[in-house]
Amino acid sequence: MASRFASMRFFASLLAMLAVLSVADFVLTWNLLEREGSLVVESNPLAGRVLEAAGWLGLAAYKLILMTLIAVLALVIARRSLRSGELLLGFGCGAHAAVVITSTFLCIQPEGGENLVAVASTGDEEAPPMFPREAMAVLAQESVQHELQLTSAQVRHVREMQRLRKQLSKVARRLEVAEISLFMDRINLQESEFMAQLSPGQRSRLAQLCRQMRGPLAIGDEDVVAALGLNEEQSDRVVLLLDEHREARLQPSDKNVASSTEHTKQRLLAVLTPDQHARWQAMLGEPFPFDNRPAVVTVADADF
C-alpha cells in the first residue's frame, strides 16, 4: 500500500514538472523571439505556423493543448499500468527539459550582432563581404553547397536564412514599417554571420556563382565596375541600359521577357573592351551546371 502511494506521489510530481517545464518553454521562447536584434526563430514548424497565424495567445493555447494531451494520455495509461504512465510522463518531461536547456543556453549567449560589431570596431580584421542579393537562390541548391564544400553547420545556417526570409514574406503585410525594418536587420545580421564563416576560397567561388546566375546584368555592380576598370562613359552607359531594362520589366507588355533580358545582356557586353571582356570571363570562374535557374535576379527585383 505504501509503495502504491509513493508511486502515485511520484506520478503527481511528474505531472507538476511537466506543467512547470511547459511554462518555462513558453517564457523562454517569447524571450528569445521578442528581444531586439534576435536571430532566433521557432524551430518547431507546427509551432511556428501557429505563432504566425494566431500570435502569442495562439502559441500559448497550442502548448497548453499539447501538455494536456500528454497528461491525459499518461493518466489513461496509468489506470492500467502506473509504471507505463510514469514512463510516458518521464519522456514528456525529458523532451521539454531538453528544449528548456537549449533555450536557456541561447538566452545567456551574446548576440551574434554584438560579435560582428566588436570585430568591425577593432580595425584588426576586415568586415566580411556583403551578402550578394542573389546568393540565397544560389545557396539553396544542393549542388552549390557541394561545390562550396559547406560544412553541416554552414548548411544549417543556409536553411535558417531561408526560413527567416520565408517567415518575413508570410507576415510582412501585417507588420508596421518599423517592424519590417527590425526583421530585415535580423536577416542582414544573419547573412553577415554566414559570410564571416566562409573561407576566402568559398567567398570567391560564391561570388563567381552569383555572377554566373545573373550573367552580364551583374556588370553594373560596384565591385564589378571597379574590377573591370570601367571609365565614366562606360559606367553611364551601363547604368542607362540597366535602367531601361528595369523600366521595361515594370511595363505591361506582350514582349517576351526572356528575349528582352537576353538583348540587354548582349548590349551590356558590347560596352566592354576586349581586355575588359576577358577580365569579366575570369570573374565568372569555371562554368557551373546549376540544378535550376530561378527567375533572373535584376536590379528591379526585391531583396527577397
C-alpha atoms as a PDB file:
ATOM      1  CA  MET A   1       0.000   0.000   0.000  1.00  0.00           C
ATOM      2  CA  ALA A   2       2.801   2.385   0.956  1.00  0.00           C
ATOM      3  CA  SER A   3       4.613   1.549  -2.275  1.00  0.00           C
ATOM      4  CA  ARG A   4       1.469   2.312  -4.286  1.00  0.00           C
ATOM      5  CA  PHE A   5       1.058   5.656  -2.501  1.00  0.00           C
ATOM      6  CA  ALA A   6       4.692   6.567  -3.175  1.00  0.00           C
ATOM      7  CA  SER A   7       4.266   5.727  -6.851  1.00  0.00           C
ATOM      8  CA  MET A   8       1.184   7.930  -7.057  1.00  0.00           C
ATOM      9  CA  ARG A   9       3.076  10.804  -5.431  1.00  0.00           C
ATOM     10  CA  PHE A  10       5.876  10.339  -7.958  1.00  0.00           C
ATOM     11  CA  PHE A  11       3.338  10.336 -10.779  1.00  0.00           C
ATOM     12  CA  ALA A  12       1.837  13.606  -9.470  1.00  0.00           C
ATOM     13  CA  SER A  13       5.327  15.100  -9.224  1.00  0.00           C
ATOM     14  CA  LEU A  14       5.949  14.267 -12.857  1.00  0.00           C
ATOM     15  CA  LEU A  15       2.685  15.968 -13.840  1.00  0.00           C
ATOM     16  CA  ALA A  16       3.705  19.088 -11.918  1.00  0.00           C
ATOM     17  CA  MET A  17       7.161  19.025 -13.509  1.00  0.00           C
ATOM     18  CA  LEU A  18       5.620  18.750 -16.983  1.00  0.00           C
ATOM     19  CA  ALA A  19       3.485  21.829 -16.280  1.00  0.00           C
ATOM     20  CA  VAL A  20       6.464  23.837 -14.985  1.00  0.00           C
ATOM     21  CA  LEU A  21       8.635  22.887 -17.955  1.00  0.00           C
ATOM     22  CA  SER A  22       5.852  23.789 -20.412  1.00  0.00           C
ATOM     23  CA  VAL A  23       5.522  27.254 -18.864  1.00  0.00           C
ATOM     24  CA  ALA A  24       9.317  27.694 -18.876  1.00  0.00           C
ATOM     25  CA  ASP A  25       9.420  26.651 -22.535  1.00  0.00           C
ATOM     26  CA  PHE A  26       6.833  29.270 -23.470  1.00  0.00           C
ATOM     27  CA  VAL A  27       8.505  32.068 -21.466  1.00  0.00           C
ATOM     28  CA  LEU A  28      11.954  31.320 -22.892  1.00  0.00           C
ATOM     29  CA  THR A  29      10.562  31.118 -26.429  1.00  0.00           C
ATOM     30  CA  TRP A  30       8.930  34.522 -26.001  1.00  0.00           C
ATOM     31  CA  ASN A  31      12.160  35.986 -24.624  1.00  0.00           C
ATOM     32  CA  LEU A  32      14.291  34.621 -27.468  1.00  0.00           C
ATOM     33  CA  LEU A  33      11.988  35.669 -30.308  1.00  0.00           C
ATOM     34  CA  GLU A  34      10.973  39.079 -28.972  1.00  0.00           C
ATOM     35  CA  ARG A  35      14.234  40.524 -27.761  1.00  0.00           C
ATOM     36  CA  GLU A  36      15.661  43.198 -30.035  1.00  0.00           C
ATOM     37  CA  GLY A  37      18.023  42.011 -32.759  1.00  0.00           C
ATOM     38  CA  SER A  38      17.300  38.338 -32.088  1.00  0.00           C
ATOM     39  CA  LEU A  39      18.284  35.933 -34.886  1.00  0.00           C
ATOM     40  CA  VAL A  40      16.344  33.047 -33.332  1.00  0.00           C
ATOM     41  CA  VAL A  41      13.243  31.628 -34.997  1.00  0.00           C
ATOM     42  CA  GLU A  42      10.790  28.969 -33.815  1.00  0.00           C
ATOM     43  CA  SER A  43      12.400  25.654 -34.806  1.00  0.00           C
ATOM     44  CA  ASN A  44       9.192  23.629 -34.474  1.00  0.00           C
ATOM     45  CA  PRO A  45       7.475  24.055 -37.884  1.00  0.00           C
ATOM     46  CA  LEU A  46       3.971  23.492 -36.479  1.00  0.00           C
ATOM     47  CA  ALA A  47       4.507  25.859 -33.550  1.00  0.00           C
ATOM     48  CA  GLY A  48       5.981  28.397 -35.972  1.00  0.00           C
ATOM     49  CA  ARG A  49       2.874  28.268 -38.172  1.00  0.00           C
ATOM     50  CA  VAL A  50       0.632  28.659 -35.099  1.00  0.00           C
ATOM     51  CA  LEU A  51       2.669  31.668 -33.973  1.00  0.00           C
ATOM     52  CA  GLU A  52       2.460  33.290 -37.415  1.00  0.00           C
ATOM     53  CA  ALA A  53      -1.283  32.703 -37.698  1.00  0.00           C
ATOM     54  CA  ALA A  54      -2.505  33.304 -34.125  1.00  0.00           C
ATOM     55  CA  GLY A  55       0.267  35.159 -32.331  1.00  0.00           C
ATOM     56  CA  TRP A  56       1.452  34.509 -28.793  1.00  0.00           C
ATOM     57  CA  LEU A  57      -2.014  33.681 -27.432  1.00  0.00           C
ATOM     58  CA  GLY A  58      -2.341  31.040 -30.126  1.00  0.00           C
ATOM     59  CA  LEU A  59       1.074  29.609 -29.280  1.00  0.00           C
ATOM     60  CA  ALA A  60       0.171  29.550 -25.569  1.00  0.00           C
ATOM     61  CA  ALA A  61      -3.014  27.648 -26.403  1.00  0.00           C
ATOM     62  CA  TYR A  62      -1.057  25.231 -28.604  1.00  0.00           C
ATOM     63  CA  LYS A  63       1.438  24.459 -25.823  1.00  0.00           C
ATOM     64  CA  LEU A  64      -1.367  24.108 -23.255  1.00  0.00           C
ATOM     65  CA  ILE A  65      -3.213  21.653 -25.511  1.00  0.00           C
ATOM     66  CA  LEU A  66      -0.023  19.676 -26.112  1.00  0.00           C
ATOM     67  CA  MET A  67       0.722  19.470 -22.383  1.00  0.00           C
ATOM     68  CA  THR A  68      -2.876  18.483 -21.631  1.00  0.00           C
ATOM     69  CA  LEU A  69      -2.840  15.724 -24.241  1.00  0.00           C
ATOM     70  CA  ILE A  70       0.336  14.235 -22.756  1.00  0.00           C
ATOM     71  CA  ALA A  71      -1.087  14.432 -19.217  1.00  0.00           C
ATOM     72  CA  VAL A  72      -4.458  12.908 -20.167  1.00  0.00           C
ATOM     73  CA  LEU A  73      -2.810  10.117 -22.147  1.00  0.00           C
ATOM     74  CA  ALA A  74      -0.496   9.380 -19.211  1.00  0.00           C
ATOM     75  CA  LEU A  75      -3.471   9.266 -16.810  1.00  0.00           C
ATOM     76  CA  VAL A  76      -5.377   6.870 -19.066  1.00  0.00           C
ATOM     77  CA  ILE A  77      -2.350   4.589 -19.384  1.00  0.00           C
ATOM     78  CA  ALA A  78      -1.626   4.829 -15.645  1.00  0.00           C
ATOM     79  CA  ARG A  79      -5.044   3.364 -14.845  1.00  0.00           C
ATOM     80  CA  ARG A  80      -3.882   0.131 -16.445  1.00  0.00           C
ATOM     81  CA  SER A  81      -0.181   0.395 -15.674  1.00  0.00           C
ATOM     82  CA  LEU A  82       1.146   3.104 -13.383  1.00  0.00           C
ATOM     83  CA  ARG A  83       4.693   2.336 -14.447  1.00  0.00           C
ATOM     84  CA  SER A  84       3.867   2.890 -18.134  1.00  0.00           C
ATOM     85  CA  GLY A  85       2.169   6.181 -17.309  1.00  0.00           C
ATOM     86  CA  GLU A  86       5.250   7.312 -15.403  1.00  0.00           C
ATOM     87  CA  LEU A  87       7.476   6.405 -18.352  1.00  0.00           C
ATOM     88  CA  LEU A  88       5.325   8.466 -20.720  1.00  0.00           C
ATOM     89  CA  LEU A  89       5.426  11.464 -18.385  1.00  0.00           C
ATOM     90  CA  GLY A  90       9.158  10.988 -17.945  1.00  0.00           C
ATOM     91  CA  PHE A  91       9.627  11.067 -21.722  1.00  0.00           C
ATOM     92  CA  GLY A  92       7.476  14.223 -21.983  1.00  0.00           C
ATOM     93  CA  CYS A  93       9.425  15.914 -19.196  1.00  0.00           C
ATOM     94  CA  GLY A  94      12.718  14.935 -20.795  1.00  0.00           C
ATOM     95  CA  ALA A  95      11.735  16.354 -24.183  1.00  0.00           C
ATOM     96  CA  HIS A  96      10.566  19.614 -22.610  1.00  0.00           C
ATOM     97  CA  ALA A  97      13.683  19.786 -20.427  1.00  0.00           C
ATOM     98  CA  ALA A  98      15.943  19.457 -23.489  1.00  0.00           C
ATOM     99  CA  VAL A  99      14.150  22.387 -25.142  1.00  0.00           C
ATOM    100  CA  VAL A 100      14.325  24.466 -21.958  1.00  0.00           C
ATOM    101  CA  ILE A 101      18.050  23.795 -21.523  1.00  0.00           C
ATOM    102  CA  THR A 102      18.754  24.734 -25.146  1.00  0.00           C
ATOM    103  CA  SER A 103      16.657  27.903 -24.874  1.00  0.00           C
ATOM    104  CA  THR A 104      18.367  28.857 -21.626  1.00  0.00           C
ATOM    105  CA  PHE A 105      21.767  28.401 -23.257  1.00  0.00           C
ATOM    106  CA  LEU A 106      20.699  30.647 -26.173  1.00  0.00           C
ATOM    107  CA  CYS A 107      19.402  33.282 -23.746  1.00  0.00           C
ATOM    108  CA  ILE A 108      22.739  33.620 -21.977  1.00  0.00           C
ATOM    109  CA  GLN A 109      24.770  33.758 -25.201  1.00  0.00           C
ATOM    110  CA  PRO A 110      25.817  37.182 -26.530  1.00  0.00           C
ATOM    111  CA  GLU A 111      24.013  38.301 -29.659  1.00  0.00           C
ATOM    112  CA  GLY A 112      25.773  37.474 -32.927  1.00  0.00           C
ATOM    113  CA  GLY A 113      25.465  41.110 -33.983  1.00  0.00           C
ATOM    114  CA  GLU A 114      27.491  42.236 -30.963  1.00  0.00           C
ATOM    115  CA  ASN A 115      30.327  39.955 -32.022  1.00  0.00           C
ATOM    116  CA  LEU A 116      30.278  41.397 -35.529  1.00  0.00           C
ATOM    117  CA  VAL A 117      30.278  44.951 -34.201  1.00  0.00           C
ATOM    118  CA  ALA A 118      33.229  44.125 -31.969  1.00  0.00           C
ATOM    119  CA  VAL A 119      35.217  42.780 -34.914  1.00  0.00           C
ATOM    120  CA  ALA A 120      34.351  45.790 -37.059  1.00  0.00           C
ATOM    121  CA  SER A 121      35.275  48.252 -34.345  1.00  0.00           C
ATOM    122  CA  THR A 122      38.741  46.858 -33.638  1.00  0.00           C
ATOM    123  CA  GLY A 123      40.044  47.563 -37.101  1.00  0.00           C
ATOM    124  CA  ASP A 124      42.229  44.442 -36.804  1.00  0.00           C
ATOM    125  CA  GLU A 125      40.112  42.424 -39.225  1.00  0.00           C
ATOM    126  CA  GLU A 126      38.234  43.345 -42.348  1.00  0.00           C
ATOM    127  CA  ALA A 127      34.467  43.105 -42.234  1.00  0.00           C
ATOM    128  CA  PRO A 128      33.164  40.164 -44.293  1.00  0.00           C
ATOM    129  CA  PRO A 129      31.944  40.972 -47.810  1.00  0.00           C
ATOM    130  CA  MET A 130      28.326  41.909 -48.260  1.00  0.00           C
ATOM    131  CA  PHE A 131      25.916  39.031 -48.810  1.00  0.00           C
ATOM    132  CA  PRO A 132      25.050  39.174 -52.556  1.00  0.00           C
ATOM    133  CA  ARG A 133      21.360  39.743 -53.164  1.00  0.00           C
ATOM    134  CA  GLU A 134      21.091  36.723 -55.452  1.00  0.00           C
ATOM    135  CA  ALA A 135      23.174  34.470 -53.179  1.00  0.00           C
ATOM    136  CA  MET A 136      20.141  32.938 -51.469  1.00  0.00           C
ATOM    137  CA  ALA A 137      18.867  31.479 -54.754  1.00  0.00           C
ATOM    138  CA  VAL A 138      22.344  30.103 -55.416  1.00  0.00           C
ATOM    139  CA  LEU A 139      22.994  28.689 -51.938  1.00  0.00           C
ATOM    140  CA  ALA A 140      19.599  26.970 -51.810  1.00  0.00           C
ATOM    141  CA  GLN A 141      20.796  24.477 -54.425  1.00  0.00           C
ATOM    142  CA  GLU A 142      22.395  21.310 -53.059  1.00  0.00           C
ATOM    143  CA  SER A 143      24.846  21.122 -55.936  1.00  0.00           C
ATOM    144  CA  VAL A 144      26.155  24.579 -54.998  1.00  0.00           C
ATOM    145  CA  GLN A 145      26.502  23.535 -51.358  1.00  0.00           C
ATOM    146  CA  HIS A 146      28.649  20.601 -52.510  1.00  0.00           C
ATOM    147  CA  GLU A 147      30.627  22.848 -54.855  1.00  0.00           C
ATOM    148  CA  LEU A 148      31.433  25.237 -51.989  1.00  0.00           C
ATOM    149  CA  GLN A 149      32.109  22.290 -49.658  1.00  0.00           C
ATOM    150  CA  LEU A 150      29.904  23.813 -46.975  1.00  0.00           C
ATOM    151  CA  THR A 151      30.115  22.230 -43.541  1.00  0.00           C
ATOM    152  CA  SER A 152      26.998  20.805 -41.895  1.00  0.00           C
ATOM    153  CA  ALA A 153      26.854  23.905 -39.681  1.00  0.00           C
ATOM    154  CA  GLN A 154      27.013  26.195 -42.723  1.00  0.00           C
ATOM    155  CA  VAL A 155      24.242  24.233 -44.453  1.00  0.00           C
ATOM    156  CA  ARG A 156      22.084  24.608 -41.334  1.00  0.00           C
ATOM    157  CA  HIS A 157      22.805  28.347 -41.420  1.00  0.00           C
ATOM    158  CA  VAL A 158      21.610  28.497 -45.037  1.00  0.00           C
ATOM    159  CA  ARG A 159      18.385  26.720 -44.098  1.00  0.00           C
ATOM    160  CA  GLU A 160      17.905  29.112 -41.182  1.00  0.00           C
ATOM    161  CA  MET A 161      18.288  32.087 -43.520  1.00  0.00           C
ATOM    162  CA  GLN A 162      15.765  30.557 -45.907  1.00  0.00           C
ATOM    163  CA  ARG A 163      13.273  30.022 -43.086  1.00  0.00           C
ATOM    164  CA  LEU A 164      13.671  33.560 -41.781  1.00  0.00           C
ATOM    165  CA  ARG A 165      13.111  35.051 -45.249  1.00  0.00           C
ATOM    166  CA  LYS A 166      10.085  32.805 -45.775  1.00  0.00           C
ATOM    167  CA  GLN A 167       8.713  33.817 -42.393  1.00  0.00           C
ATOM    168  CA  LEU A 168       9.053  37.503 -43.257  1.00  0.00           C
ATOM    169  CA  SER A 169       7.360  37.035 -46.635  1.00  0.00           C
ATOM    170  CA  LYS A 170       4.369  35.468 -44.859  1.00  0.00           C
ATOM    171  CA  VAL A 171       3.876  38.138 -42.206  1.00  0.00           C
ATOM    172  CA  ALA A 172       5.194  41.267 -43.970  1.00  0.00           C
ATOM    173  CA  ARG A 173       1.723  42.556 -44.865  1.00  0.00           C
ATOM    174  CA  ARG A 174       0.680  42.511 -41.216  1.00  0.00           C
ATOM    175  CA  LEU A 175       3.771  44.322 -39.928  1.00  0.00           C
ATOM    176  CA  GLU A 176       4.437  48.011 -39.490  1.00  0.00           C
ATOM    177  CA  VAL A 177       7.329  49.609 -41.363  1.00  0.00           C
ATOM    178  CA  ALA A 178       9.436  49.725 -38.179  1.00  0.00           C
ATOM    179  CA  GLU A 179       8.789  46.031 -37.526  1.00  0.00           C
ATOM    180  CA  ILE A 180       9.782  45.108 -41.082  1.00  0.00           C
ATOM    181  CA  SER A 181      12.951  47.155 -40.637  1.00  0.00           C
ATOM    182  CA  LEU A 182      13.825  45.218 -37.478  1.00  0.00           C
ATOM    183  CA  PHE A 183      13.134  41.944 -39.272  1.00  0.00           C
ATOM    184  CA  MET A 184      15.419  42.979 -42.111  1.00  0.00           C
ATOM    185  CA  ASP A 185      18.101  43.875 -39.570  1.00  0.00           C
ATOM    186  CA  ARG A 186      17.876  40.322 -38.241  1.00  0.00           C
ATOM    187  CA  ILE A 187      18.215  38.939 -41.767  1.00  0.00           C
ATOM    188  CA  ASN A 188      21.183  41.192 -42.549  1.00  0.00           C
ATOM    189  CA  LEU A 189      22.959  40.168 -39.343  1.00  0.00           C
ATOM    190  CA  GLN A 190      22.345  36.519 -40.097  1.00  0.00           C
ATOM    191  CA  GLU A 191      23.747  36.929 -43.599  1.00  0.00           C
ATOM    192  CA  SER A 192      26.800  38.788 -42.290  1.00  0.00           C
ATOM    193  CA  GLU A 193      27.459  35.976 -39.826  1.00  0.00           C
ATOM    194  CA  PHE A 194      27.251  33.451 -42.659  1.00  0.00           C
ATOM    195  CA  MET A 195      29.741  35.376 -44.799  1.00  0.00           C
ATOM    196  CA  ALA A 196      32.080  35.598 -41.804  1.00  0.00           C
ATOM    197  CA  GLN A 197      32.019  31.783 -41.539  1.00  0.00           C
ATOM    198  CA  LEU A 198      33.148  31.268 -45.148  1.00  0.00           C
ATOM    199  CA  SER A 199      36.768  30.805 -46.089  1.00  0.00           C
ATOM    200  CA  PRO A 200      38.268  33.218 -48.665  1.00  0.00           C
ATOM    201  CA  GLY A 201      38.040  30.463 -51.268  1.00  0.00           C
ATOM    202  CA  GLN A 202      34.373  29.837 -50.526  1.00  0.00           C
ATOM    203  CA  ARG A 203      33.571  33.559 -50.721  1.00  0.00           C
ATOM    204  CA  SER A 204      35.390  33.885 -54.034  1.00  0.00           C
ATOM    205  CA  ARG A 205      33.587  30.911 -55.581  1.00  0.00           C
ATOM    206  CA  LEU A 206      30.218  32.089 -54.224  1.00  0.00           C
ATOM    207  CA  ALA A 207      30.778  35.475 -55.869  1.00  0.00           C
ATOM    208  CA  GLN A 208      31.594  33.739 -59.166  1.00  0.00           C
ATOM    209  CA  LEU A 209      28.455  31.598 -58.993  1.00  0.00           C
ATOM    210  CA  CYS A 210      26.290  34.616 -58.225  1.00  0.00           C
ATOM    211  CA  ARG A 211      27.694  36.412 -61.279  1.00  0.00           C
ATOM    212  CA  GLN A 212      27.054  33.322 -63.400  1.00  0.00           C
ATOM    213  CA  MET A 213      23.467  33.229 -62.157  1.00  0.00           C
ATOM    214  CA  ARG A 214      22.849  36.867 -63.122  1.00  0.00           C
ATOM    215  CA  GLY A 215      25.073  36.983 -66.157  1.00  0.00           C
ATOM    216  CA  PRO A 216      26.062  40.369 -67.656  1.00  0.00           C
ATOM    217  CA  LEU A 217      23.370  42.097 -65.568  1.00  0.00           C
ATOM    218  CA  ALA A 218      25.957  41.936 -62.763  1.00  0.00           C
ATOM    219  CA  ILE A 219      28.300  44.224 -64.708  1.00  0.00           C
ATOM    220  CA  GLY A 220      26.592  47.188 -63.048  1.00  0.00           C
ATOM    221  CA  ASP A 221      27.573  46.037 -59.527  1.00  0.00           C
ATOM    222  CA  GLU A 222      30.039  48.374 -57.834  1.00  0.00           C
ATOM    223  CA  ASP A 223      32.670  45.706 -57.245  1.00  0.00           C
ATOM    224  CA  VAL A 224      32.450  44.545 -60.867  1.00  0.00           C
ATOM    225  CA  VAL A 225      32.671  48.098 -62.202  1.00  0.00           C
ATOM    226  CA  ALA A 226      35.810  48.650 -60.131  1.00  0.00           C
ATOM    227  CA  ALA A 227      37.373  45.302 -61.075  1.00  0.00           C
ATOM    228  CA  LEU A 228      36.769  45.860 -64.792  1.00  0.00           C
ATOM    229  CA  GLY A 229      38.015  49.432 -64.624  1.00  0.00           C
ATOM    230  CA  LEU A 230      35.065  50.955 -66.474  1.00  0.00           C
ATOM    231  CA  ASN A 231      35.558  54.597 -67.367  1.00  0.00           C
ATOM    232  CA  GLU A 232      32.896  57.245 -66.736  1.00  0.00           C
ATOM    233  CA  GLU A 233      31.362  56.929 -70.187  1.00  0.00           C
ATOM    234  CA  GLN A 234      31.117  53.134 -69.873  1.00  0.00           C
ATOM    235  CA  SER A 235      29.649  53.379 -66.377  1.00  0.00           C
ATOM    236  CA  ASP A 236      26.990  55.828 -67.540  1.00  0.00           C
ATOM    237  CA  ARG A 237      26.129  53.537 -70.441  1.00  0.00           C
ATOM    238  CA  VAL A 238      25.770  50.526 -68.129  1.00  0.00           C
ATOM    239  CA  VAL A 239      23.521  52.495 -65.760  1.00  0.00           C
ATOM    240  CA  LEU A 240      21.353  53.611 -68.675  1.00  0.00           C
ATOM    241  CA  LEU A 241      20.976  50.054 -70.018  1.00  0.00           C
ATOM    242  CA  LEU A 242      20.039  48.681 -66.598  1.00  0.00           C
ATOM    243  CA  ASP A 243      17.531  51.499 -66.050  1.00  0.00           C
ATOM    244  CA  GLU A 244      15.920  50.752 -69.401  1.00  0.00           C
ATOM    245  CA  HIS A 245      15.820  47.069 -68.548  1.00  0.00           C
ATOM    246  CA  ARG A 246      14.185  47.757 -65.184  1.00  0.00           C
ATOM    247  CA  GLU A 247      11.568  50.057 -66.698  1.00  0.00           C
ATOM    248  CA  ALA A 248      10.799  47.552 -69.460  1.00  0.00           C
ATOM    249  CA  ARG A 249      10.192  44.813 -66.883  1.00  0.00           C
ATOM    250  CA  LEU A 250       7.823  47.041 -64.954  1.00  0.00           C
ATOM    251  CA  GLN A 251       5.735  47.873 -68.006  1.00  0.00           C
ATOM    252  CA  PRO A 252       2.891  45.545 -69.085  1.00  0.00           C
ATOM    253  CA  SER A 253       3.878  44.172 -72.457  1.00  0.00           C
ATOM    254  CA  ASP A 254       3.398  41.169 -74.671  1.00  0.00           C
ATOM    255  CA  LYS A 255       7.099  41.195 -75.459  1.00  0.00           C
ATOM    256  CA  ASN A 256       8.976  38.096 -74.327  1.00  0.00           C
ATOM    257  CA  VAL A 257      10.744  38.968 -71.053  1.00  0.00           C
ATOM    258  CA  ALA A 258      13.496  36.388 -71.566  1.00  0.00           C
ATOM    259  CA  SER A 259      14.215  37.735 -75.043  1.00  0.00           C
ATOM    260  CA  SER A 260      14.336  41.302 -73.711  1.00  0.00           C
ATOM    261  CA  THR A 261      16.688  40.291 -70.905  1.00  0.00           C
ATOM    262  CA  GLU A 262      18.996  38.468 -73.301  1.00  0.00           C
ATOM    263  CA  HIS A 263      19.085  41.531 -75.557  1.00  0.00           C
ATOM    264  CA  THR A 264      20.063  43.714 -72.594  1.00  0.00           C
ATOM    265  CA  LYS A 265      22.847  41.290 -71.664  1.00  0.00           C
ATOM    266  CA  GLN A 266      24.309  41.454 -75.170  1.00  0.00           C
ATOM    267  CA  ARG A 267      24.221  45.258 -75.112  1.00  0.00           C
ATOM    268  CA  LEU A 268      25.988  45.283 -71.735  1.00  0.00           C
ATOM    269  CA  LEU A 269      28.744  43.016 -73.025  1.00  0.00           C
ATOM    270  CA  ALA A 270      29.143  45.304 -76.050  1.00  0.00           C
ATOM    271  CA  VAL A 271      30.122  48.131 -73.665  1.00  0.00           C
ATOM    272  CA  LEU A 272      33.287  46.265 -72.640  1.00  0.00           C
ATOM    273  CA  THR A 273      36.627  46.420 -74.381  1.00  0.00           C
ATOM    274  CA  PRO A 274      38.290  43.107 -75.364  1.00  0.00           C
ATOM    275  CA  ASP A 275      40.556  43.320 -72.305  1.00  0.00           C
ATOM    276  CA  GLN A 276      37.590  44.032 -70.001  1.00  0.00           C
ATOM    277  CA  HIS A 277      35.637  41.214 -71.576  1.00  0.00           C
ATOM    278  CA  ALA A 278      38.486  38.811 -70.750  1.00  0.00           C
ATOM    279  CA  ARG A 279      38.540  40.070 -67.173  1.00  0.00           C
ATOM    280  CA  TRP A 280      34.768  39.596 -66.967  1.00  0.00           C
ATOM    281  CA  GLN A 281      35.118  35.982 -68.085  1.00  0.00           C
ATOM    282  CA  ALA A 282      37.774  35.440 -65.417  1.00  0.00           C
ATOM    283  CA  MET A 283      35.426  36.885 -62.784  1.00  0.00           C
ATOM    284  CA  LEU A 284      32.843  34.266 -63.722  1.00  0.00           C
ATOM    285  CA  GLY A 285      35.196  31.392 -62.989  1.00  0.00           C
ATOM    286  CA  GLU A 286      34.655  27.840 -64.171  1.00  0.00           C
ATOM    287  CA  PRO A 287      31.107  27.383 -65.586  1.00  0.00           C
ATOM    288  CA  PHE A 288      28.830  25.628 -63.134  1.00  0.00           C
ATOM    289  CA  PRO A 289      25.807  23.420 -64.005  1.00  0.00           C
ATOM    290  CA  PHE A 290      23.138  24.754 -61.628  1.00  0.00           C
ATOM    291  CA  ASP A 291      20.334  22.430 -60.534  1.00  0.00           C
ATOM    292  CA  ASN A 292      17.923  25.041 -61.807  1.00  0.00           C
ATOM    293  CA  ARG A 293      17.972  28.686 -62.715  1.00  0.00           C
ATOM    294  CA  PRO A 294      15.380  30.771 -60.885  1.00  0.00           C
ATOM    295  CA  ALA A 295      13.882  33.830 -62.485  1.00  0.00           C
ATOM    296  CA  VAL A 296      16.770  36.177 -63.266  1.00  0.00           C
ATOM    297  CA  VAL A 297      17.579  38.487 -60.382  1.00  0.00           C
ATOM    298  CA  THR A 298      17.852  42.060 -61.573  1.00  0.00           C
ATOM    299  CA  VAL A 299      18.175  45.498 -60.084  1.00  0.00           C
ATOM    300  CA  ALA A 300      14.393  45.747 -60.290  1.00  0.00           C
ATOM    301  CA  ASP A 301      13.774  42.778 -58.049  1.00  0.00           C
ATOM    302  CA  ALA A 302      13.070  42.910 -54.349  1.00  0.00           C
ATOM    303  CA  ASP A 303      15.554  41.689 -51.772  1.00  0.00           C
ATOM    304  CA  PHE A 304      13.575  38.552 -51.012  1.00  0.00           C
END
